[in-house]
C-alpha atoms as a PDB file:
ATOM      1  CA  MET A   1      -3.033  16.943   4.671  1.00  0.00           C
ATOM      2  CA  LYS A   2      -6.093  15.243   6.138  1.00  0.00           C
ATOM      3  CA  ILE A   3      -5.843  11.845   7.821  1.00  0.00           C
ATOM      4  CA  LEU A   4      -8.467   9.431   9.136  1.00  0.00           C
ATOM      5  CA  LEU A   5      -7.261   7.392  12.115  1.00  0.00           C
ATOM      6  CA  ALA A   6      -9.321   4.314  13.048  1.00  0.00           C
ATOM      7  CA  GLU A   7      -7.993   2.724  16.250  1.00  0.00           C
ATOM      8  CA  ASP A   8     -10.248   1.288  18.966  1.00  0.00           C
ATOM      9  CA  ASN A   9      -7.680   1.548  21.781  1.00  0.00           C
ATOM     10  CA  LYS A  10      -8.535   4.994  23.113  1.00  0.00           C
ATOM     11  CA  ASP A  11      -5.178   5.598  24.786  1.00  0.00           C
ATOM     12  CA  LEU A  12      -3.249   4.741  21.618  1.00  0.00           C
ATOM     13  CA  ASN A  13      -5.757   6.669  19.497  1.00  0.00           C
ATOM     14  CA  ASN A  14      -5.242   9.763  21.654  1.00  0.00           C
ATOM     15  CA  VAL A  15      -1.442   9.482  21.467  1.00  0.00           C
ATOM     16  CA  LEU A  16      -1.400   8.963  17.684  1.00  0.00           C
ATOM     17  CA  THR A  17      -3.837  11.827  17.159  1.00  0.00           C
ATOM     18  CA  ALA A  18      -1.686  14.160  19.249  1.00  0.00           C
ATOM     19  CA  VAL A  19       1.511  13.154  17.415  1.00  0.00           C
ATOM     20  CA  LEU A  20      -0.061  13.592  13.974  1.00  0.00           C
ATOM     21  CA  LYS A  21      -1.577  16.950  14.883  1.00  0.00           C
ATOM     22  CA  HIS A  22       1.799  18.069  16.228  1.00  0.00           C
ATOM     23  CA  GLU A  23       3.134  17.365  12.710  1.00  0.00           C
ATOM     24  CA  ASN A  24       0.395  19.661  11.336  1.00  0.00           C
ATOM     25  CA  TYR A  25      -1.873  16.956   9.962  1.00  0.00           C
ATOM     26  CA  ASP A  26      -5.627  17.478  10.143  1.00  0.00           C
ATOM     27  CA  VAL A  27      -6.852  14.330  11.919  1.00  0.00           C
ATOM     28  CA  ASP A  28     -10.289  12.735  12.257  1.00  0.00           C
ATOM     29  CA  SER A  29     -10.258   9.987  14.902  1.00  0.00           C
ATOM     30  CA  VAL A  30     -12.741   7.104  15.107  1.00  0.00           C
ATOM     31  CA  TYR A  31     -12.903   3.998  17.304  1.00  0.00           C
ATOM     32  CA  ASP A  32     -14.618   1.315  15.220  1.00  0.00           C
ATOM     33  CA  GLY A  33     -14.747   0.084  11.653  1.00  0.00           C
ATOM     34  CA  GLN A  34     -18.283   1.140  10.880  1.00  0.00           C
ATOM     35  CA  GLU A  35     -17.575   4.713  11.916  1.00  0.00           C
ATOM     36  CA  ALA A  36     -14.496   4.631   9.685  1.00  0.00           C
ATOM     37  CA  VAL A  37     -16.599   3.567   6.680  1.00  0.00           C
ATOM     38  CA  ASP A  38     -19.175   6.286   7.441  1.00  0.00           C
ATOM     39  CA  ARG A  39     -16.496   8.990   7.584  1.00  0.00           C
ATOM     40  CA  ILE A  40     -14.738   7.826   4.418  1.00  0.00           C
ATOM     41  CA  GLU A  41     -18.010   7.846   2.477  1.00  0.00           C
ATOM     42  CA  ILE A  42     -18.733  11.497   3.317  1.00  0.00           C
ATOM     43  CA  ASP A  43     -15.253  13.037   3.449  1.00  0.00           C
ATOM     44  CA  SER A  44     -12.005  13.013   1.480  1.00  0.00           C
ATOM     45  CA  TYR A  45      -8.669  12.022   3.046  1.00  0.00           C
ATOM     46  CA  ASP A  46      -5.036  12.039   1.963  1.00  0.00           C
ATOM     47  CA  CYS A  47      -4.239   8.962   4.054  1.00  0.00           C
ATOM     48  CA  ILE A  48      -6.186   6.436   6.131  1.00  0.00           C
ATOM     49  CA  ILE A  49      -4.704   4.584   9.121  1.00  0.00           C
ATOM     50  CA  LEU A  50      -6.658   1.431   9.999  1.00  0.00           C
ATOM     51  CA  ASP A  51      -6.196  -0.893  12.944  1.00  0.00           C
ATOM     52  CA  ILE A  52      -6.981  -4.467  11.894  1.00  0.00           C
ATOM     53  CA  MET A  53      -8.709  -5.545  15.116  1.00  0.00           C
ATOM     54  CA  MET A  54     -11.681  -3.205  15.642  1.00  0.00           C
ATOM     55  CA  PRO A  55     -15.313  -3.676  16.736  1.00  0.00           C
ATOM     56  CA  LYS A  56     -18.292  -3.615  14.337  1.00  0.00           C
ATOM     57  CA  LYS A  57     -16.022  -3.960  11.293  1.00  0.00           C
ATOM     58  CA  ASN A  58     -12.369  -4.936  11.340  1.00  0.00           C
ATOM     59  CA  GLY A  59      -9.745  -3.133   9.288  1.00  0.00           C
ATOM     60  CA  ILE A  60      -9.762  -5.699   6.482  1.00  0.00           C
ATOM     61  CA  GLU A  61     -13.547  -5.397   6.112  1.00  0.00           C
ATOM     62  CA  VAL A  62     -13.281  -1.597   6.012  1.00  0.00           C
ATOM     63  CA  LEU A  63     -10.567  -1.849   3.382  1.00  0.00           C
ATOM     64  CA  GLU A  64     -12.588  -4.221   1.204  1.00  0.00           C
ATOM     65  CA  ILE A  65     -15.607  -1.911   1.391  1.00  0.00           C
ATOM     66  CA  ILE A  66     -13.767   1.248   0.386  1.00  0.00           C
ATOM     67  CA  ARG A  67     -11.758  -0.434  -2.368  1.00  0.00           C
ATOM     68  CA  GLY A  68     -15.032  -1.867  -3.650  1.00  0.00           C
ATOM     69  CA  LYS A  69     -16.246   1.714  -3.966  1.00  0.00           C
ATOM     70  CA  ASN A  70     -13.091   2.609  -5.963  1.00  0.00           C
ATOM     71  CA  ILE A  71     -11.717   4.802  -3.176  1.00  0.00           C
ATOM     72  CA  ILE A  72      -7.958   4.656  -3.768  1.00  0.00           C
ATOM     73  CA  THR A  73      -6.779   6.750  -0.797  1.00  0.00           C
ATOM     74  CA  PRO A  74      -3.503   5.288   0.566  1.00  0.00           C
ATOM     75  CA  VAL A  75      -4.126   2.999   3.553  1.00  0.00           C
ATOM     76  CA  LEU A  76      -1.667   2.134   6.321  1.00  0.00           C
ATOM     77  CA  MET A  77      -2.693  -0.936   8.347  1.00  0.00           C
ATOM     78  CA  LEU A  78      -1.835  -1.382  12.028  1.00  0.00           C
ATOM     79  CA  THR A  79      -1.687  -4.906  13.421  1.00  0.00           C
ATOM     80  CA  ALA A  80      -0.583  -6.548  16.635  1.00  0.00           C
ATOM     81  CA  LYS A  81       0.290  -9.710  14.710  1.00  0.00           C
ATOM     82  CA  ALA A  82       3.664 -10.228  13.088  1.00  0.00           C
ATOM     83  CA  GLU A  83       2.884 -13.234  10.877  1.00  0.00           C
ATOM     84  CA  ILE A  84       3.444 -12.791   7.150  1.00  0.00           C
ATOM     85  CA  GLU A  85      -0.057 -14.149   6.436  1.00  0.00           C
ATOM     86  CA  ASP A  86      -1.637 -11.086   8.036  1.00  0.00           C
ATOM     87  CA  ARG A  87       0.450  -8.789   5.882  1.00  0.00           C
ATOM     88  CA  VAL A  88      -0.486 -10.688   2.732  1.00  0.00           C
ATOM     89  CA  ILE A  89      -4.198 -10.579   3.587  1.00  0.00           C
ATOM     90  CA  GLY A  90      -4.004  -6.816   4.090  1.00  0.00           C
ATOM     91  CA  LEU A  91      -2.040  -6.205   0.892  1.00  0.00           C
ATOM     92  CA  ASP A  92      -4.362  -8.445  -1.117  1.00  0.00           C
ATOM     93  CA  ALA A  93      -7.327  -6.479   0.234  1.00  0.00           C
ATOM     94  CA  GLY A  94      -5.769  -3.250  -1.036  1.00  0.00           C
ATOM     95  CA  ALA A  95      -3.546  -1.950   1.773  1.00  0.00           C
ATOM     96  CA  ASP A  96      -0.570   0.145   0.734  1.00  0.00           C
ATOM     97  CA  ASP A  97       1.628  -0.407   3.767  1.00  0.00           C
ATOM     98  CA  TYR A  98       1.498  -1.893   7.250  1.00  0.00           C
ATOM     99  CA  LEU A  99       3.044  -1.458  10.697  1.00  0.00           C
ATOM    100  CA  THR A 100       3.260  -4.126  13.375  1.00  0.00           C
ATOM    101  CA  LYS A 101       2.638  -3.042  16.959  1.00  0.00           C
ATOM    102  CA  PRO A 102       4.531  -1.917  18.915  1.00  0.00           C
ATOM    103  CA  PHE A 103       6.122   0.632  16.595  1.00  0.00           C
ATOM    104  CA  ALA A 104       8.114   3.838  16.966  1.00  0.00           C
ATOM    105  CA  MET A 105       6.232   7.067  16.326  1.00  0.00           C
ATOM    106  CA  LYS A 106       8.975   8.263  13.984  1.00  0.00           C
ATOM    107  CA  GLU A 107       8.411   5.149  11.867  1.00  0.00           C
ATOM    108  CA  LEU A 108       4.666   5.813  11.695  1.00  0.00           C
ATOM    109  CA  LEU A 109       5.321   9.397  10.612  1.00  0.00           C
ATOM    110  CA  ALA A 110       7.831   8.242   7.975  1.00  0.00           C
ATOM    111  CA  ARG A 111       5.286   5.785   6.522  1.00  0.00           C
ATOM    112  CA  VAL A 112       2.573   8.465   6.456  1.00  0.00           C
ATOM    113  CA  ARG A 113       4.901  10.949   4.734  1.00  0.00           C
ATOM    114  CA  ALA A 114       5.838   8.359   2.142  1.00  0.00           C
ATOM    115  CA  LEU A 115       2.210   7.460   1.393  1.00  0.00           C
ATOM    116  CA  THR A 116       0.990  11.044   1.130  1.00  0.00           C
ATOM    117  CA  ARG A 117       3.996  12.079  -0.978  1.00  0.00           C
ATOM    118  CA  ARG A 118       3.643   9.175  -3.396  1.00  0.00           C
ATOM    119  CA  LYS A 119      -0.086   9.791  -3.774  1.00  0.00           C
ATOM    120  CA  ASN A 120       0.643  12.934  -5.783  1.00  0.00           C
ATOM    121  CA  GLU A 121       3.645  11.741  -7.812  1.00  0.00           C
ATOM    122  CA  TYR A 122       2.060   9.480 -10.380  1.00  0.00           C
ATOM    123  CA  SER A 123       1.999  10.264 -14.058  1.00  0.00           C
ATOM    124  CA  THR A 124      -1.426  10.131 -15.688  1.00  0.00           C
ATOM    125  CA  LYS A 125       0.080   8.018 -18.460  1.00  0.00           C
ATOM    126  CA  LYS A 126      -1.275   4.501 -18.875  1.00  0.00           C
ATOM    127  CA  LEU A 127       1.477   1.938 -19.337  1.00  0.00           C
ATOM    128  CA  SER A 128       1.136  -1.214 -21.420  1.00  0.00           C
ATOM    129  CA  TYR A 129       3.280  -4.291 -22.013  1.00  0.00           C
ATOM    130  CA  LYS A 130       2.146  -7.347 -23.984  1.00  0.00           C
ATOM    131  CA  ASP A 131      -1.265  -8.290 -22.555  1.00  0.00           C
ATOM    132  CA  ILE A 132      -1.159  -6.092 -19.415  1.00  0.00           C
ATOM    133  CA  SER A 133      -1.861  -2.429 -18.760  1.00  0.00           C
ATOM    134  CA  LEU A 134      -1.227  -0.343 -15.656  1.00  0.00           C
ATOM    135  CA  SER A 135      -3.420   2.603 -14.690  1.00  0.00           C
ATOM    136  CA  SER A 136      -1.908   5.318 -12.496  1.00  0.00           C
ATOM    137  CA  GLU A 137      -5.340   6.789 -11.785  1.00  0.00           C
ATOM    138  CA  SER A 138      -6.870   3.640 -10.265  1.00  0.00           C
ATOM    139  CA  LEU A 139      -3.610   1.757  -9.452  1.00  0.00           C
ATOM    140  CA  GLU A 140      -5.091  -1.178 -11.357  1.00  0.00           C
ATOM    141  CA  LEU A 141      -3.277  -3.902 -13.259  1.00  0.00           C
ATOM    142  CA  ARG A 142      -5.409  -5.193 -16.138  1.00  0.00           C
ATOM    143  CA  SER A 143      -5.343  -8.159 -18.481  1.00  0.00           C
ATOM    144  CA  GLU A 144      -8.199 -10.657 -18.774  1.00  0.00           C
ATOM    145  CA  ASN A 145      -9.091  -9.613 -15.225  1.00  0.00           C
ATOM    146  CA  THR A 146      -8.388  -6.532 -13.135  1.00  0.00           C
ATOM    147  CA  VAL A 147      -6.700  -6.254  -9.751  1.00  0.00           C
ATOM    148  CA  ARG A 148      -5.780  -3.235  -7.657  1.00  0.00           C
ATOM    149  CA  LEU A 149      -2.166  -2.840  -6.565  1.00  0.00           C
ATOM    150  CA  SER A 150      -0.855  -1.296  -3.383  1.00  0.00           C
ATOM    151  CA  ILE A 151       1.204   1.853  -3.863  1.00  0.00           C
ATOM    152  CA  LYS A 152       4.496  -0.022  -3.464  1.00  0.00           C
ATOM    153  CA  GLU A 153       3.321  -2.779  -5.831  1.00  0.00           C
ATOM    154  CA  PHE A 154       2.284  -0.117  -8.330  1.00  0.00           C
ATOM    155  CA  GLU A 155       5.640   1.654  -8.159  1.00  0.00           C
ATOM    156  CA  LEU A 156       7.511  -1.617  -8.551  1.00  0.00           C
ATOM    157  CA  MET A 157       5.438  -2.656 -11.568  1.00  0.00           C
ATOM    158  CA  GLN A 158       5.734   0.837 -13.011  1.00  0.00           C
ATOM    159  CA  ASN A 159       9.543   0.617 -12.887  1.00  0.00           C
ATOM    160  CA  LEU A 160       9.508  -2.822 -14.490  1.00  0.00           C
ATOM    161  CA  MET A 161       7.179  -1.651 -17.274  1.00  0.00           C
ATOM    162  CA  LEU A 162       9.184   1.518 -17.918  1.00  0.00           C
ATOM    163  CA  ASN A 163      12.285  -0.650 -18.359  1.00  0.00           C
ATOM    164  CA  LYS A 164      10.760  -3.394 -20.496  1.00  0.00           C
ATOM    165  CA  GLU A 165      12.782  -6.600 -20.753  1.00  0.00           C
ATOM    166  CA  ARG A 166      15.757  -5.021 -18.968  1.00  0.00           C
ATOM    167  CA  PHE A 167      17.090  -6.468 -15.726  1.00  0.00           C
ATOM    168  CA  LEU A 168      16.761  -4.050 -12.800  1.00  0.00           C
ATOM    169  CA  ASP A 169      18.837  -4.973  -9.790  1.00  0.00           C
ATOM    170  CA  ALA A 170      17.365  -5.084  -6.306  1.00  0.00           C
ATOM    171  CA  GLU A 171      19.342  -2.050  -5.096  1.00  0.00           C
ATOM    172  CA  TYR A 172      18.035   0.062  -7.981  1.00  0.00           C
ATOM    173  CA  LEU A 173      14.457  -0.971  -7.186  1.00  0.00           C
ATOM    174  CA  LYS A 174      14.968  -0.357  -3.468  1.00  0.00           C
ATOM    175  CA  GLU A 175      16.175   3.156  -4.272  1.00  0.00           C
ATOM    176  CA  ARG A 176      13.357   3.902  -6.730  1.00  0.00           C
ATOM    177  CA  VAL A 177      10.480   2.425  -4.728  1.00  0.00           C
ATOM    178  CA  TRP A 178      11.608   2.737  -1.106  1.00  0.00           C
ATOM    179  CA  ASN A 179      13.996   5.708  -1.400  1.00  0.00           C
ATOM    180  CA  ASN A 180      16.713   3.629   0.285  1.00  0.00           C
ATOM    181  CA  ASP A 181      14.729   3.672   3.523  1.00  0.00           C
ATOM    182  CA  PRO A 182      17.141   2.187   6.110  1.00  0.00           C
ATOM    183  CA  ASP A 183      14.235   0.373   7.779  1.00  0.00           C
ATOM    184  CA  VAL A 184      13.517  -1.618   4.625  1.00  0.00           C
ATOM    185  CA  LYS A 185      14.719  -5.197   5.028  1.00  0.00           C
ATOM    186  CA  PRO A 186      17.115  -6.761   2.455  1.00  0.00           C
ATOM    187  CA  ASN A 187      14.466  -9.198   1.197  1.00  0.00           C
ATOM    188  CA  THR A 188      11.712  -6.588   0.786  1.00  0.00           C
ATOM    189  CA  VAL A 189      12.148  -6.290  -2.983  1.00  0.00           C
ATOM    190  CA  LYS A 190      12.030 -10.085  -3.330  1.00  0.00           C
ATOM    191  CA  LEU A 191       8.884 -10.204  -1.178  1.00  0.00           C
ATOM    192  CA  TYR A 192       7.078  -7.577  -3.278  1.00  0.00           C
ATOM    193  CA  ILE A 193       8.158  -9.278  -6.496  1.00  0.00           C
ATOM    194  CA  SER A 194       6.363 -12.378  -5.173  1.00  0.00           C
ATOM    195  CA  TYR A 195       3.255 -10.253  -4.567  1.00  0.00           C
ATOM    196  CA  LEU A 196       3.372  -8.999  -8.169  1.00  0.00           C
ATOM    197  CA  LYS A 197       3.766 -12.534  -9.504  1.00  0.00           C
ATOM    198  CA  ARG A 198       0.559 -13.461  -7.674  1.00  0.00           C
ATOM    199  CA  LYS A 199      -1.214 -10.409  -9.084  1.00  0.00           C
ATOM    200  CA  LEU A 200      -0.125 -11.313 -12.627  1.00  0.00           C
ATOM    201  CA  LYS A 201      -1.612 -14.774 -12.131  1.00  0.00           C
ATOM    202  CA  ALA A 202      -4.773 -13.203 -10.700  1.00  0.00           C
ATOM    203  CA  VAL A 203      -5.352 -11.214 -13.908  1.00  0.00           C
ATOM    204  CA  SER A 204      -4.594 -14.295 -16.050  1.00  0.00           C
ATOM    205  CA  SER A 205      -1.682 -12.624 -17.817  1.00  0.00           C
ATOM    206  CA  ASP A 206       0.971 -14.367 -19.900  1.00  0.00           C
ATOM    207  CA  VAL A 207       3.548 -11.876 -18.622  1.00  0.00           C
ATOM    208  CA  ALA A 208       6.059 -13.214 -16.101  1.00  0.00           C
ATOM    209  CA  ILE A 209       8.746 -11.692 -13.903  1.00  0.00           C
ATOM    210  CA  GLU A 210      12.134 -13.287 -14.480  1.00  0.00           C
ATOM    211  CA  GLY A 211      15.233 -13.130 -12.307  1.00  0.00           C
ATOM    212  CA  ASP A 212      16.237 -13.127  -8.656  1.00  0.00           C
ATOM    213  CA  SER A 213      17.890 -10.945  -6.043  1.00  0.00           C
ATOM    214  CA  GLU A 214      21.328 -11.633  -7.574  1.00  0.00           C
ATOM    215  CA  THR A 215      20.626 -11.041 -11.280  1.00  0.00           C
ATOM    216  CA  GLY A 216      17.858  -8.489 -10.885  1.00  0.00           C
ATOM    217  CA  TYR A 217      14.292  -8.626 -12.211  1.00  0.00           C
ATOM    218  CA  LYS A 218      12.611  -7.983 -15.544  1.00  0.00           C
ATOM    219  CA  LEU A 219       9.303  -8.572 -17.317  1.00  0.00           C
ATOM    220  CA  CYS A 220       9.216 -11.217 -19.998  1.00  0.00           C
END
């Protein structure tokens, strides 16, 4: 597995590189956003780790550039800010997951394993429901418009579309999408459902997500 690590703090970069290499990952390390873009354009990676605050180009700018080039490699964002707005900005730009500094190395490794494992698990089948379609190759949700989903958003929508008009409870979705990860907060499913509702509006779809954390969720 090959990973690109873009982190401008040299001490943290060195530590993360050493930890990842110890876990037998092949790691390319860079220290600014422009160098990250240059590497991604000439090489292929199984996962990309991007710090948000970097010189030349920040992590969000890097993410927007590579998603604009239809590079769908899973991206884990690192941020020193804990506000929900920063997470939403990253997810809207095409991030698949995020970690807030400071974080435990075992948590970073767990997130990387999850992203690289999920990358290879998708069916090539294209799912459709009413006026929306979901592509496993591009992770795109399509209706009148098209928007790219993060890996977790994709998996959540995939489960909803595979169980059309059937309520799926939050625990089922947590198991299917997050593998019952003990670090996943109780309201995580609800939070990602809200992200999907925004994405459905973004593609101008008539499809809605009905339900709540008590009754479960379904497409309608």
